[in-house]
Structures are given as structure tokens and as C-alpha cells.
Amino acid sequence: MAEPMRQPTPAISRVASCTATDCVHNRDRQCHAGEIEVRMSADGAICGTYEPEKPRPRP
């Protein structure tokens, strides 16, 4: 009996440096989201997890 093909285990990747400094998941250019989604756009790959920070009320 033939052995079923095994799916490769996905590699864990890390975001080296995030330039979306206004994203809620970005602290010191490091992405702290639990996971990210990468989408394609006309300009190339974009972060689908990007969420802008909420404006803070003025004191």
C-alpha cells in the first residue's frame, strides 16, 4: 500500500521590522500581533492585519 503524501510543516516566520508605526500592533518597529495576514494588492504584498491606532483624546 502506498504511503500518503505528507504536507510540509509551515515554517514560522518573524517580521524583521515593521514600518507601519501607526499600527496598534507595532511597538518599536516590532510587530506584536498574534498572527498576521498578508494580502496582495496592485502595489505588491500588504499587511492585512494593519489596524491604525485610535486617536487619543486631548487633555
Protein backbone atom coordinates (compact mmCIF):
# COMPACT_ATOMS: atom_id res chain seq x y z
CA MET A 1 0.00 0.00 0.00
CA ALA A 2 1.34 3.42 -0.92
CA GLU A 3 2.12 5.82 1.89
CA PRO A 4 0.01 9.02 1.78
CA MET A 5 1.84 12.22 0.92
CA ARG A 6 2.64 14.33 3.95
CA GLN A 7 2.03 18.04 3.94
CA PRO A 8 5.14 20.06 4.81
CA THR A 9 5.05 21.74 8.19
CA PRO A 10 4.73 25.50 7.71
CA ALA A 11 7.75 27.46 8.83
CA ILE A 12 7.29 30.09 11.49
CA SER A 13 8.39 33.43 10.18
CA ARG A 14 9.01 36.62 12.05
CA VAL A 15 8.53 40.19 10.92
CA ALA A 16 12.01 41.72 10.88
CA SER A 17 10.96 45.36 11.02
CA CYS A 18 7.53 46.91 10.63
CA THR A 19 7.36 50.38 9.10
CA ALA A 20 3.65 50.91 9.90
CA THR A 21 4.46 52.90 13.03
CA ASP A 22 0.82 53.99 13.47
CA CYS A 23 -0.44 50.39 13.75
CA VAL A 24 -1.78 49.17 17.11
CA HIS A 25 0.37 46.01 16.81
CA ASN A 26 3.64 47.93 16.27
CA ARG A 27 5.87 48.73 19.22
CA ASP A 28 9.41 49.94 18.50
CA ARG A 29 9.11 48.72 14.87
CA GLN A 30 8.32 45.18 16.07
CA CYS A 31 5.02 43.50 15.20
CA HIS A 32 3.30 42.13 18.31
CA ALA A 33 0.18 40.73 16.62
CA GLY A 34 -0.55 37.11 17.47
CA GLU A 35 -0.53 36.35 13.76
CA ILE A 36 -0.55 38.37 10.57
CA GLU A 37 -2.33 38.06 7.25
CA VAL A 38 -0.52 39.09 4.10
CA ARG A 39 -2.64 40.19 1.13
CA MET A 40 -1.76 41.09 -2.43
CA SER A 41 -2.55 44.49 -3.90
CA ALA A 42 -1.66 46.20 -7.15
CA ASP A 43 1.48 47.50 -5.39
CA GLY A 44 2.54 44.09 -4.05
CA ALA A 45 2.17 42.39 -0.68
CA ILE A 46 0.47 44.33 2.13
CA CYS A 47 -0.26 43.54 5.76
CA GLY A 48 -3.92 42.59 6.15
CA THR A 49 -3.60 42.79 9.94
CA TYR A 50 -2.78 46.51 9.93
CA GLU A 51 -5.05 48.43 12.29
CA PRO A 52 -4.41 52.16 12.83
CA GLU A 53 -4.14 53.48 16.35
CA LYS A 54 -7.20 55.24 17.67
CA PRO A 55 -6.69 58.98 18.15
CA ARG A 56 -6.16 59.85 21.80
CA PRO A 57 -8.41 62.47 23.34
CA ARG A 58 -6.74 65.79 24.05
CA PRO A 59 -6.24 66.57 27.74
